[in-house]
Amino acid sequence: MNDTTLIFETFLMPTLYKTYQYITEYIERVLHIPTLLLNGEGLDDFEGGYADAGFMSANAYLQLQSLYPRSAELIAMPLQPGEHEQDSSPTFFDIIVRKDSGLTSISDLEYATWAYHVGISQVEDWFRDEQGILPIQFHNMVETPSQAQSMRSVLDGKVDASAIEGRLLELAWRNSPHIATQLRVIGTYSYTASPLVVLAAHLEPLVKDRVQKALLGMHQDPFFAQQLREGLIERFHPVSSMYSQPLRRSIEGVNNPPLPMPLNTRQQGIGIG
């Protein structure tokens, strides 16, 4: 660790850069340690010891953990105005294709027929909004009444790909083993609100604890609470088991390195646990 400065890096879109500056400034005031906020250029900065802390999306954190699993620790996540902590558990989606499909990466979806159901139509918006991913114009889109129907459409060859909520997919694996022999997952992502705050593994435990406590108490300062609200953050709260369990499921399911984008890419046959 740098003895004089805590180096923060942000891997998020620059629209809320000012909010991240206020967060680092508050940590500097509470810890009496100078801080510096930089635009992150590579997740390997945590592995190499060049970054002490970071602001990132859940998808970038998935990628970080698949590439460098012990380089950083997730310590806090935001609550949006009006949101309760029990409502902030993330949802992870897996992009599925048939096992014999020629689709092997997210970029291949540009030529795919995509099934979506009305309950998660925002899945398609995610492709357009997520930082670092070019807008994908699917070759064709087919609406279905449910995720189960979307999965069936992939199995039957009526469409090429779809996004299925991870827990639903796991349930299907357990109850219908034949499904596992017919599908392949090429990507995992989450809608979790940003920024997630991570700390590098090389930081001393005492420093980690102090940074986390500062984040969790930031909303109690009237001035900085206002800065958080302007960034659509009510307050930070510690990572709970509701978050860590599905996150761990997604990370542990990764067998191959991800694509060079903030999306955790898996290229494997689906197995039954």
C-alpha atoms as a PDB file:
ATOM      1  CA  MET A   1       0.000   0.000   0.000  1.00  0.00           C
ATOM      2  CA  ASN A   2       1.061   3.575  -0.621  1.00  0.00           C
ATOM      3  CA  ASP A   3       1.803   5.067   2.833  1.00  0.00           C
ATOM      4  CA  THR A   4       0.750   8.588   1.868  1.00  0.00           C
ATOM      5  CA  THR A   5      -2.233   8.268  -0.445  1.00  0.00           C
ATOM      6  CA  LEU A   6      -5.240   5.993  -0.927  1.00  0.00           C
ATOM      7  CA  ILE A   7      -5.647   5.565  -4.674  1.00  0.00           C
ATOM      8  CA  PHE A   8      -9.245   5.058  -5.805  1.00  0.00           C
ATOM      9  CA  GLU A   9     -10.157   4.043  -9.349  1.00  0.00           C
ATOM     10  CA  THR A  10     -13.609   4.248 -10.927  1.00  0.00           C
ATOM     11  CA  PHE A  11     -14.694   1.813 -13.629  1.00  0.00           C
ATOM     12  CA  LEU A  12     -18.095   3.432 -14.082  1.00  0.00           C
ATOM     13  CA  MET A  13     -19.503   5.922 -16.551  1.00  0.00           C
ATOM     14  CA  PRO A  14     -18.266   9.479 -15.940  1.00  0.00           C
ATOM     15  CA  THR A  15     -21.710  11.023 -15.414  1.00  0.00           C
ATOM     16  CA  LEU A  16     -21.442  10.587 -11.633  1.00  0.00           C
ATOM     17  CA  TYR A  17     -17.705  11.178 -11.367  1.00  0.00           C
ATOM     18  CA  LYS A  18     -18.354  14.160  -9.099  1.00  0.00           C
ATOM     19  CA  THR A  19     -20.234  11.919  -6.648  1.00  0.00           C
ATOM     20  CA  TYR A  20     -17.276   9.546  -6.461  1.00  0.00           C
ATOM     21  CA  GLN A  21     -15.010  12.521  -5.818  1.00  0.00           C
ATOM     22  CA  TYR A  22     -17.152  13.530  -2.844  1.00  0.00           C
ATOM     23  CA  ILE A  23     -17.004   9.978  -1.499  1.00  0.00           C
ATOM     24  CA  THR A  24     -13.216   9.894  -1.663  1.00  0.00           C
ATOM     25  CA  GLU A  25     -13.041  13.371  -0.156  1.00  0.00           C
ATOM     26  CA  TYR A  26     -15.193  12.258   2.778  1.00  0.00           C
ATOM     27  CA  ILE A  27     -12.979   9.216   3.374  1.00  0.00           C
ATOM     28  CA  GLU A  28      -9.931  11.496   3.303  1.00  0.00           C
ATOM     29  CA  ARG A  29     -11.475  13.761   5.954  1.00  0.00           C
ATOM     30  CA  VAL A  30     -12.477  10.899   8.245  1.00  0.00           C
ATOM     31  CA  LEU A  31      -9.306   8.824   7.938  1.00  0.00           C
ATOM     32  CA  HIS A  32      -6.904  11.804   7.638  1.00  0.00           C
ATOM     33  CA  ILE A  33      -5.253  10.005   4.739  1.00  0.00           C
ATOM     34  CA  PRO A  34      -4.910  11.769   1.350  1.00  0.00           C
ATOM     35  CA  THR A  35      -6.990  10.239  -1.436  1.00  0.00           C
ATOM     36  CA  LEU A  36      -6.717  10.322  -5.214  1.00  0.00           C
ATOM     37  CA  LEU A  37      -9.467   9.360  -7.665  1.00  0.00           C
ATOM     38  CA  LEU A  38      -8.469   8.107 -11.111  1.00  0.00           C
ATOM     39  CA  ASN A  39     -10.325   6.660 -14.069  1.00  0.00           C
ATOM     40  CA  GLY A  40      -9.586   2.945 -13.994  1.00  0.00           C
ATOM     41  CA  GLU A  41      -7.880   1.612 -17.097  1.00  0.00           C
ATOM     42  CA  GLY A  42      -7.454  -2.032 -16.124  1.00  0.00           C
ATOM     43  CA  LEU A  43      -8.717  -4.393 -13.437  1.00  0.00           C
ATOM     44  CA  ASP A  44      -5.201  -5.766 -13.106  1.00  0.00           C
ATOM     45  CA  ASP A  45      -4.346  -2.596 -11.158  1.00  0.00           C
ATOM     46  CA  PHE A  46      -5.711  -4.394  -8.077  1.00  0.00           C
ATOM     47  CA  GLU A  47      -3.599  -7.463  -8.691  1.00  0.00           C
ATOM     48  CA  GLY A  48      -0.517  -5.308  -9.296  1.00  0.00           C
ATOM     49  CA  GLY A  49      -1.034  -3.160  -6.218  1.00  0.00           C
ATOM     50  CA  TYR A  50      -1.523   0.071  -8.143  1.00  0.00           C
ATOM     51  CA  ALA A  51      -5.089   0.646  -6.922  1.00  0.00           C
ATOM     52  CA  ASP A  52      -6.177   0.617  -3.280  1.00  0.00           C
ATOM     53  CA  ALA A  53      -9.930   0.947  -3.780  1.00  0.00           C
ATOM     54  CA  GLY A  54     -12.455   1.082  -6.573  1.00  0.00           C
ATOM     55  CA  PHE A  55     -15.976   1.971  -7.671  1.00  0.00           C
ATOM     56  CA  MET A  56     -17.462  -0.492 -10.151  1.00  0.00           C
ATOM     57  CA  SER A  57     -20.562  -2.278 -11.384  1.00  0.00           C
ATOM     58  CA  ALA A  58     -21.494  -5.793 -10.335  1.00  0.00           C
ATOM     59  CA  ASN A  59     -20.506  -7.015 -13.781  1.00  0.00           C
ATOM     60  CA  ALA A  60     -17.044  -5.481 -13.514  1.00  0.00           C
ATOM     61  CA  TYR A  61     -16.662  -7.043 -10.064  1.00  0.00           C
ATOM     62  CA  LEU A  62     -17.630 -10.437 -11.490  1.00  0.00           C
ATOM     63  CA  GLN A  63     -14.934  -9.978 -14.096  1.00  0.00           C
ATOM     64  CA  LEU A  64     -12.377  -8.898 -11.491  1.00  0.00           C
ATOM     65  CA  GLN A  65     -13.066 -11.948  -9.353  1.00  0.00           C
ATOM     66  CA  SER A  66     -12.843 -14.334 -12.290  1.00  0.00           C
ATOM     67  CA  LEU A  67      -9.505 -12.880 -13.401  1.00  0.00           C
ATOM     68  CA  TYR A  68      -7.935 -12.052 -10.039  1.00  0.00           C
ATOM     69  CA  PRO A  69     -10.044 -13.794  -7.365  1.00  0.00           C
ATOM     70  CA  ARG A  70      -8.055 -12.649  -4.334  1.00  0.00           C
ATOM     71  CA  SER A  71      -7.064  -9.172  -5.431  1.00  0.00           C
ATOM     72  CA  ALA A  72      -9.969  -7.180  -3.957  1.00  0.00           C
ATOM     73  CA  GLU A  73     -12.825  -7.444  -1.491  1.00  0.00           C
ATOM     74  CA  LEU A  74     -16.344  -6.060  -1.842  1.00  0.00           C
ATOM     75  CA  ILE A  75     -17.167  -4.026   1.276  1.00  0.00           C
ATOM     76  CA  ALA A  76     -20.226  -1.880   0.544  1.00  0.00           C
ATOM     77  CA  MET A  77     -23.055  -1.305  -1.886  1.00  0.00           C
ATOM     78  CA  PRO A  78     -25.461   1.603  -2.283  1.00  0.00           C
ATOM     79  CA  LEU A  79     -29.092   1.949  -1.350  1.00  0.00           C
ATOM     80  CA  GLN A  80     -31.067   4.158  -3.689  1.00  0.00           C
ATOM     81  CA  PRO A  81     -33.581   6.708  -2.346  1.00  0.00           C
ATOM     82  CA  GLY A  82     -36.683   4.920  -1.095  1.00  0.00           C
ATOM     83  CA  GLU A  83     -35.030   1.507  -1.232  1.00  0.00           C
ATOM     84  CA  HIS A  84     -34.845  -0.756   1.810  1.00  0.00           C
ATOM     85  CA  GLU A  85     -31.873  -2.963   2.526  1.00  0.00           C
ATOM     86  CA  GLN A  86     -33.961  -6.129   2.290  1.00  0.00           C
ATOM     87  CA  ASP A  87     -35.005  -5.076  -1.214  1.00  0.00           C
ATOM     88  CA  SER A  88     -31.462  -4.624  -2.500  1.00  0.00           C
ATOM     89  CA  SER A  89     -30.599  -8.272  -3.108  1.00  0.00           C
ATOM     90  CA  PRO A  90     -29.313  -8.455  -6.686  1.00  0.00           C
ATOM     91  CA  THR A  91     -30.656 -10.546  -9.517  1.00  0.00           C
ATOM     92  CA  PHE A  92     -28.211 -12.393 -11.740  1.00  0.00           C
ATOM     93  CA  PHE A  93     -29.105 -13.398 -15.276  1.00  0.00           C
ATOM     94  CA  ASP A  94     -27.474 -16.060 -17.442  1.00  0.00           C
ATOM     95  CA  ILE A  95     -27.448 -15.790 -21.220  1.00  0.00           C
ATOM     96  CA  ILE A  96     -28.270 -19.226 -22.583  1.00  0.00           C
ATOM     97  CA  VAL A  97     -27.839 -20.820 -25.996  1.00  0.00           C
ATOM     98  CA  ARG A  98     -28.183 -24.380 -27.228  1.00  0.00           C
ATOM     99  CA  LYS A  99     -25.131 -26.496 -26.582  1.00  0.00           C
ATOM    100  CA  ASP A 100     -24.586 -27.043 -30.310  1.00  0.00           C
ATOM    101  CA  SER A 101     -24.999 -23.338 -31.079  1.00  0.00           C
ATOM    102  CA  GLY A 102     -22.306 -21.460 -32.940  1.00  0.00           C
ATOM    103  CA  LEU A 103     -22.786 -18.479 -30.595  1.00  0.00           C
ATOM    104  CA  THR A 104     -19.787 -18.265 -28.300  1.00  0.00           C
ATOM    105  CA  SER A 105     -19.607 -14.619 -27.212  1.00  0.00           C
ATOM    106  CA  ILE A 106     -21.785 -11.606 -26.493  1.00  0.00           C
ATOM    107  CA  SER A 107     -20.793  -9.997 -29.786  1.00  0.00           C
ATOM    108  CA  ASP A 108     -22.302 -12.963 -31.651  1.00  0.00           C
ATOM    109  CA  LEU A 109     -25.757 -11.961 -30.394  1.00  0.00           C
ATOM    110  CA  GLU A 110     -25.893  -9.271 -33.059  1.00  0.00           C
ATOM    111  CA  TYR A 111     -26.774 -12.033 -35.498  1.00  0.00           C
ATOM    112  CA  ALA A 112     -29.105 -13.910 -33.152  1.00  0.00           C
ATOM    113  CA  THR A 113     -32.819 -14.255 -32.704  1.00  0.00           C
ATOM    114  CA  TRP A 114     -33.427 -13.255 -29.084  1.00  0.00           C
ATOM    115  CA  ALA A 115     -36.313 -14.311 -26.822  1.00  0.00           C
ATOM    116  CA  TYR A 116     -37.418 -11.968 -24.065  1.00  0.00           C
ATOM    117  CA  HIS A 117     -40.381 -11.931 -21.755  1.00  0.00           C
ATOM    118  CA  VAL A 118     -42.255  -8.834 -20.731  1.00  0.00           C
ATOM    119  CA  GLY A 119     -41.260  -9.110 -17.071  1.00  0.00           C
ATOM    120  CA  ILE A 120     -37.584  -8.503 -17.804  1.00  0.00           C
ATOM    121  CA  SER A 121     -37.711  -6.412 -20.949  1.00  0.00           C
ATOM    122  CA  GLN A 122     -35.041  -4.217 -19.342  1.00  0.00           C
ATOM    123  CA  VAL A 123     -32.570  -6.994 -20.125  1.00  0.00           C
ATOM    124  CA  GLU A 124     -32.339  -5.613 -23.634  1.00  0.00           C
ATOM    125  CA  ASP A 125     -31.834  -2.092 -22.287  1.00  0.00           C
ATOM    126  CA  TRP A 126     -28.876  -3.340 -20.273  1.00  0.00           C
ATOM    127  CA  PHE A 127     -26.993  -4.212 -23.454  1.00  0.00           C
ATOM    128  CA  ARG A 128     -27.384  -0.614 -24.587  1.00  0.00           C
ATOM    129  CA  ASP A 129     -26.603   1.089 -21.288  1.00  0.00           C
ATOM    130  CA  GLU A 130     -23.800  -0.907 -19.711  1.00  0.00           C
ATOM    131  CA  GLN A 131     -20.500   0.943 -19.913  1.00  0.00           C
ATOM    132  CA  GLY A 132     -18.032  -0.476 -22.377  1.00  0.00           C
ATOM    133  CA  ILE A 133     -20.504  -2.486 -24.453  1.00  0.00           C
ATOM    134  CA  LEU A 134     -21.556  -1.305 -27.856  1.00  0.00           C
ATOM    135  CA  PRO A 135     -25.309  -1.267 -28.497  1.00  0.00           C
ATOM    136  CA  ILE A 136     -26.403  -4.645 -29.812  1.00  0.00           C
ATOM    137  CA  GLN A 137     -29.093  -4.724 -32.451  1.00  0.00           C
ATOM    138  CA  PHE A 138     -30.416  -8.281 -32.367  1.00  0.00           C
ATOM    139  CA  HIS A 139     -31.201  -9.824 -35.721  1.00  0.00           C
ATOM    140  CA  ASN A 140     -34.712 -10.530 -34.445  1.00  0.00           C
ATOM    141  CA  MET A 141     -36.573 -10.383 -31.112  1.00  0.00           C
ATOM    142  CA  VAL A 142     -39.430 -12.645 -30.042  1.00  0.00           C
ATOM    143  CA  GLU A 143     -41.626 -11.823 -27.039  1.00  0.00           C
ATOM    144  CA  THR A 144     -42.666 -14.678 -24.736  1.00  0.00           C
ATOM    145  CA  PRO A 145     -45.062 -14.671 -21.741  1.00  0.00           C
ATOM    146  CA  SER A 146     -42.512 -16.039 -19.243  1.00  0.00           C
ATOM    147  CA  GLN A 147     -38.872 -16.931 -18.689  1.00  0.00           C
ATOM    148  CA  ALA A 148     -39.831 -20.599 -18.862  1.00  0.00           C
ATOM    149  CA  GLN A 149     -41.234 -20.031 -22.344  1.00  0.00           C
ATOM    150  CA  SER A 150     -38.075 -18.171 -23.338  1.00  0.00           C
ATOM    151  CA  MET A 151     -36.003 -21.153 -22.195  1.00  0.00           C
ATOM    152  CA  ARG A 152     -38.292 -23.540 -24.078  1.00  0.00           C
ATOM    153  CA  SER A 153     -37.921 -21.440 -27.212  1.00  0.00           C
ATOM    154  CA  VAL A 154     -34.141 -21.814 -26.999  1.00  0.00           C
ATOM    155  CA  LEU A 155     -34.400 -25.563 -26.380  1.00  0.00           C
ATOM    156  CA  ASP A 156     -36.777 -26.005 -29.322  1.00  0.00           C
ATOM    157  CA  GLY A 157     -34.554 -24.008 -31.676  1.00  0.00           C
ATOM    158  CA  LYS A 158     -37.161 -21.313 -32.267  1.00  0.00           C
ATOM    159  CA  VAL A 159     -34.706 -18.655 -31.044  1.00  0.00           C
ATOM    160  CA  ASP A 160     -30.939 -18.561 -30.605  1.00  0.00           C
ATOM    161  CA  ALA A 161     -30.547 -17.075 -27.134  1.00  0.00           C
ATOM    162  CA  SER A 162     -32.267 -15.616 -24.089  1.00  0.00           C
ATOM    163  CA  ALA A 163     -31.535 -14.295 -20.587  1.00  0.00           C
ATOM    164  CA  ILE A 164     -32.800 -16.390 -17.680  1.00  0.00           C
ATOM    165  CA  GLU A 165     -32.691 -15.453 -13.993  1.00  0.00           C
ATOM    166  CA  GLY A 166     -29.936 -17.518 -12.396  1.00  0.00           C
ATOM    167  CA  ARG A 167     -31.992 -19.071  -9.598  1.00  0.00           C
ATOM    168  CA  LEU A 168     -34.669 -20.171 -12.051  1.00  0.00           C
ATOM    169  CA  LEU A 169     -32.018 -21.746 -14.254  1.00  0.00           C
ATOM    170  CA  GLU A 170     -30.519 -23.617 -11.298  1.00  0.00           C
ATOM    171  CA  LEU A 171     -33.968 -24.934 -10.404  1.00  0.00           C
ATOM    172  CA  ALA A 172     -34.417 -26.183 -13.945  1.00  0.00           C
ATOM    173  CA  TRP A 173     -31.052 -27.945 -13.806  1.00  0.00           C
ATOM    174  CA  ARG A 174     -32.031 -29.799 -10.646  1.00  0.00           C
ATOM    175  CA  ASN A 175     -35.553 -30.755 -11.650  1.00  0.00           C
ATOM    176  CA  SER A 176     -34.950 -31.456 -15.349  1.00  0.00           C
ATOM    177  CA  PRO A 177     -31.469 -32.938 -15.843  1.00  0.00           C
ATOM    178  CA  HIS A 178     -32.022 -33.322 -19.582  1.00  0.00           C
ATOM    179  CA  ILE A 179     -32.007 -29.527 -19.883  1.00  0.00           C
ATOM    180  CA  ALA A 180     -28.403 -29.481 -18.669  1.00  0.00           C
ATOM    181  CA  THR A 181     -27.320 -31.574 -21.631  1.00  0.00           C
ATOM    182  CA  GLN A 182     -28.877 -29.203 -24.158  1.00  0.00           C
ATOM    183  CA  LEU A 183     -27.897 -25.689 -22.993  1.00  0.00           C
ATOM    184  CA  ARG A 184     -24.754 -23.634 -22.634  1.00  0.00           C
ATOM    185  CA  VAL A 185     -24.212 -20.360 -20.742  1.00  0.00           C
ATOM    186  CA  ILE A 186     -22.177 -17.652 -22.493  1.00  0.00           C
ATOM    187  CA  GLY A 187     -22.606 -14.779 -20.029  1.00  0.00           C
ATOM    188  CA  THR A 188     -23.645 -13.748 -16.535  1.00  0.00           C
ATOM    189  CA  TYR A 189     -24.561 -10.248 -15.435  1.00  0.00           C
ATOM    190  CA  SER A 190     -26.421  -8.338 -12.722  1.00  0.00           C
ATOM    191  CA  TYR A 191     -28.596  -5.231 -12.417  1.00  0.00           C
ATOM    192  CA  THR A 192     -27.202  -4.336  -8.989  1.00  0.00           C
ATOM    193  CA  ALA A 193     -27.073  -0.585  -8.399  1.00  0.00           C
ATOM    194  CA  SER A 194     -23.666   1.056  -8.694  1.00  0.00           C
ATOM    195  CA  PRO A 195     -21.256   1.909  -7.316  1.00  0.00           C
ATOM    196  CA  LEU A 196     -20.067  -1.199  -5.552  1.00  0.00           C
ATOM    197  CA  VAL A 197     -17.057  -0.306  -3.424  1.00  0.00           C
ATOM    198  CA  VAL A 198     -14.093  -2.681  -3.339  1.00  0.00           C
ATOM    199  CA  LEU A 199     -10.835  -2.553  -1.416  1.00  0.00           C
ATOM    200  CA  ALA A 200      -7.579  -4.103  -2.568  1.00  0.00           C
ATOM    201  CA  ALA A 201      -6.332  -7.170  -0.726  1.00  0.00           C
ATOM    202  CA  HIS A 202      -2.970  -5.525   0.024  1.00  0.00           C
ATOM    203  CA  LEU A 203      -4.545  -2.917   2.327  1.00  0.00           C
ATOM    204  CA  GLU A 204      -4.061  -3.421   6.046  1.00  0.00           C
ATOM    205  CA  PRO A 205      -7.159  -4.819   7.814  1.00  0.00           C
ATOM    206  CA  LEU A 206      -7.365  -1.735  10.072  1.00  0.00           C
ATOM    207  CA  VAL A 207      -7.462   0.570   7.036  1.00  0.00           C
ATOM    208  CA  LYS A 208     -10.150  -1.572   5.385  1.00  0.00           C
ATOM    209  CA  ASP A 209     -12.255  -1.417   8.521  1.00  0.00           C
ATOM    210  CA  ARG A 210     -11.906   2.359   8.790  1.00  0.00           C
ATOM    211  CA  VAL A 211     -12.809   2.919   5.127  1.00  0.00           C
ATOM    212  CA  GLN A 212     -15.890   0.732   5.469  1.00  0.00           C
ATOM    213  CA  LYS A 213     -17.043   2.489   8.634  1.00  0.00           C
ATOM    214  CA  ALA A 214     -16.579   5.868   6.944  1.00  0.00           C
ATOM    215  CA  LEU A 215     -18.718   4.780   3.983  1.00  0.00           C
ATOM    216  CA  LEU A 216     -21.464   3.397   6.193  1.00  0.00           C
ATOM    217  CA  GLY A 217     -21.638   6.644   8.160  1.00  0.00           C
ATOM    218  CA  MET A 218     -21.308   9.113   5.289  1.00  0.00           C
ATOM    219  CA  HIS A 219     -25.062   9.767   5.065  1.00  0.00           C
ATOM    220  CA  GLN A 220     -25.031  11.137   8.628  1.00  0.00           C
ATOM    221  CA  ASP A 221     -23.043  14.177   7.530  1.00  0.00           C
ATOM    222  CA  PRO A 222     -25.581  16.751   6.205  1.00  0.00           C
ATOM    223  CA  PHE A 223     -23.331  18.123   3.465  1.00  0.00           C
ATOM    224  CA  PHE A 224     -22.091  14.786   2.152  1.00  0.00           C
ATOM    225  CA  ALA A 225     -25.534  13.208   2.522  1.00  0.00           C
ATOM    226  CA  GLN A 226     -26.767  15.797   0.019  1.00  0.00           C
ATOM    227  CA  GLN A 227     -23.950  14.889  -2.384  1.00  0.00           C
ATOM    228  CA  LEU A 228     -24.926  11.231  -2.136  1.00  0.00           C
ATOM    229  CA  ARG A 229     -28.567  12.004  -2.852  1.00  0.00           C
ATOM    230  CA  GLU A 230     -27.599  14.019  -5.909  1.00  0.00           C
ATOM    231  CA  GLY A 231     -25.831  10.869  -7.079  1.00  0.00           C
ATOM    232  CA  LEU A 232     -29.018   8.826  -6.397  1.00  0.00           C
ATOM    233  CA  ILE A 233     -27.509   7.187  -3.316  1.00  0.00           C
ATOM    234  CA  GLU A 234     -29.383   7.259  -0.012  1.00  0.00           C
ATOM    235  CA  ARG A 235     -26.566   5.601   1.907  1.00  0.00           C
ATOM    236  CA  PHE A 236     -24.139   2.701   1.784  1.00  0.00           C
ATOM    237  CA  HIS A 237     -24.700  -0.568   3.582  1.00  0.00           C
ATOM    238  CA  PRO A 238     -22.413  -3.562   4.148  1.00  0.00           C
ATOM    239  CA  VAL A 239     -22.583  -6.496   1.792  1.00  0.00           C
ATOM    240  CA  SER A 240     -25.059  -9.031   3.156  1.00  0.00           C
ATOM    241  CA  SER A 241     -25.421 -12.750   2.583  1.00  0.00           C
ATOM    242  CA  MET A 242     -28.355 -11.922   0.273  1.00  0.00           C
ATOM    243  CA  TYR A 243     -25.817 -10.378  -2.060  1.00  0.00           C
ATOM    244  CA  SER A 244     -22.745 -12.511  -1.489  1.00  0.00           C
ATOM    245  CA  GLN A 245     -24.425 -15.890  -2.028  1.00  0.00           C
ATOM    246  CA  PRO A 246     -25.714 -15.334  -5.586  1.00  0.00           C
ATOM    247  CA  LEU A 247     -22.550 -13.398  -6.393  1.00  0.00           C
ATOM    248  CA  ARG A 248     -20.430 -16.335  -5.237  1.00  0.00           C
ATOM    249  CA  ARG A 249     -22.557 -18.669  -7.358  1.00  0.00           C
ATOM    250  CA  SER A 250     -21.833 -16.627 -10.449  1.00  0.00           C
ATOM    251  CA  ILE A 251     -18.122 -16.272  -9.737  1.00  0.00           C
ATOM    252  CA  GLU A 252     -17.583 -19.945  -8.956  1.00  0.00           C
ATOM    253  CA  GLY A 253     -19.383 -20.921 -12.151  1.00  0.00           C
ATOM    254  CA  VAL A 254     -16.767 -19.251 -14.321  1.00  0.00           C
ATOM    255  CA  ASN A 255     -14.335 -21.617 -16.000  1.00  0.00           C
ATOM    256  CA  ASN A 256     -12.898 -19.436 -18.756  1.00  0.00           C
ATOM    257  CA  PRO A 257     -11.524 -15.868 -18.751  1.00  0.00           C
ATOM    258  CA  PRO A 258     -14.097 -13.185 -19.654  1.00  0.00           C
ATOM    259  CA  LEU A 259     -14.148 -11.057 -22.725  1.00  0.00           C
ATOM    260  CA  PRO A 260     -12.407  -7.666 -22.485  1.00  0.00           C
ATOM    261  CA  MET A 261     -15.628  -5.957 -21.360  1.00  0.00           C
ATOM    262  CA  PRO A 262     -17.418  -5.559 -18.004  1.00  0.00           C
ATOM    263  CA  LEU A 263     -19.299  -8.800 -18.455  1.00  0.00           C
ATOM    264  CA  ASN A 264     -18.393 -12.114 -16.926  1.00  0.00           C
ATOM    265  CA  THR A 265     -18.342 -14.574 -19.807  1.00  0.00           C
ATOM    266  CA  ARG A 266     -18.706 -18.305 -19.339  1.00  0.00           C
ATOM    267  CA  GLN A 267     -18.301 -20.833 -22.111  1.00  0.00           C
ATOM    268  CA  GLN A 268     -19.187 -24.261 -20.751  1.00  0.00           C
ATOM    269  CA  GLY A 269     -21.707 -27.041 -20.684  1.00  0.00           C
ATOM    270  CA  ILE A 270     -24.289 -26.738 -17.922  1.00  0.00           C
ATOM    271  CA  GLY A 271     -23.741 -29.345 -15.238  1.00  0.00           C
ATOM    272  CA  ILE A 272     -25.874 -30.633 -12.405  1.00  0.00           C
ATOM    273  CA  GLY A 273     -24.469 -29.859  -8.958  1.00  0.00           C
END
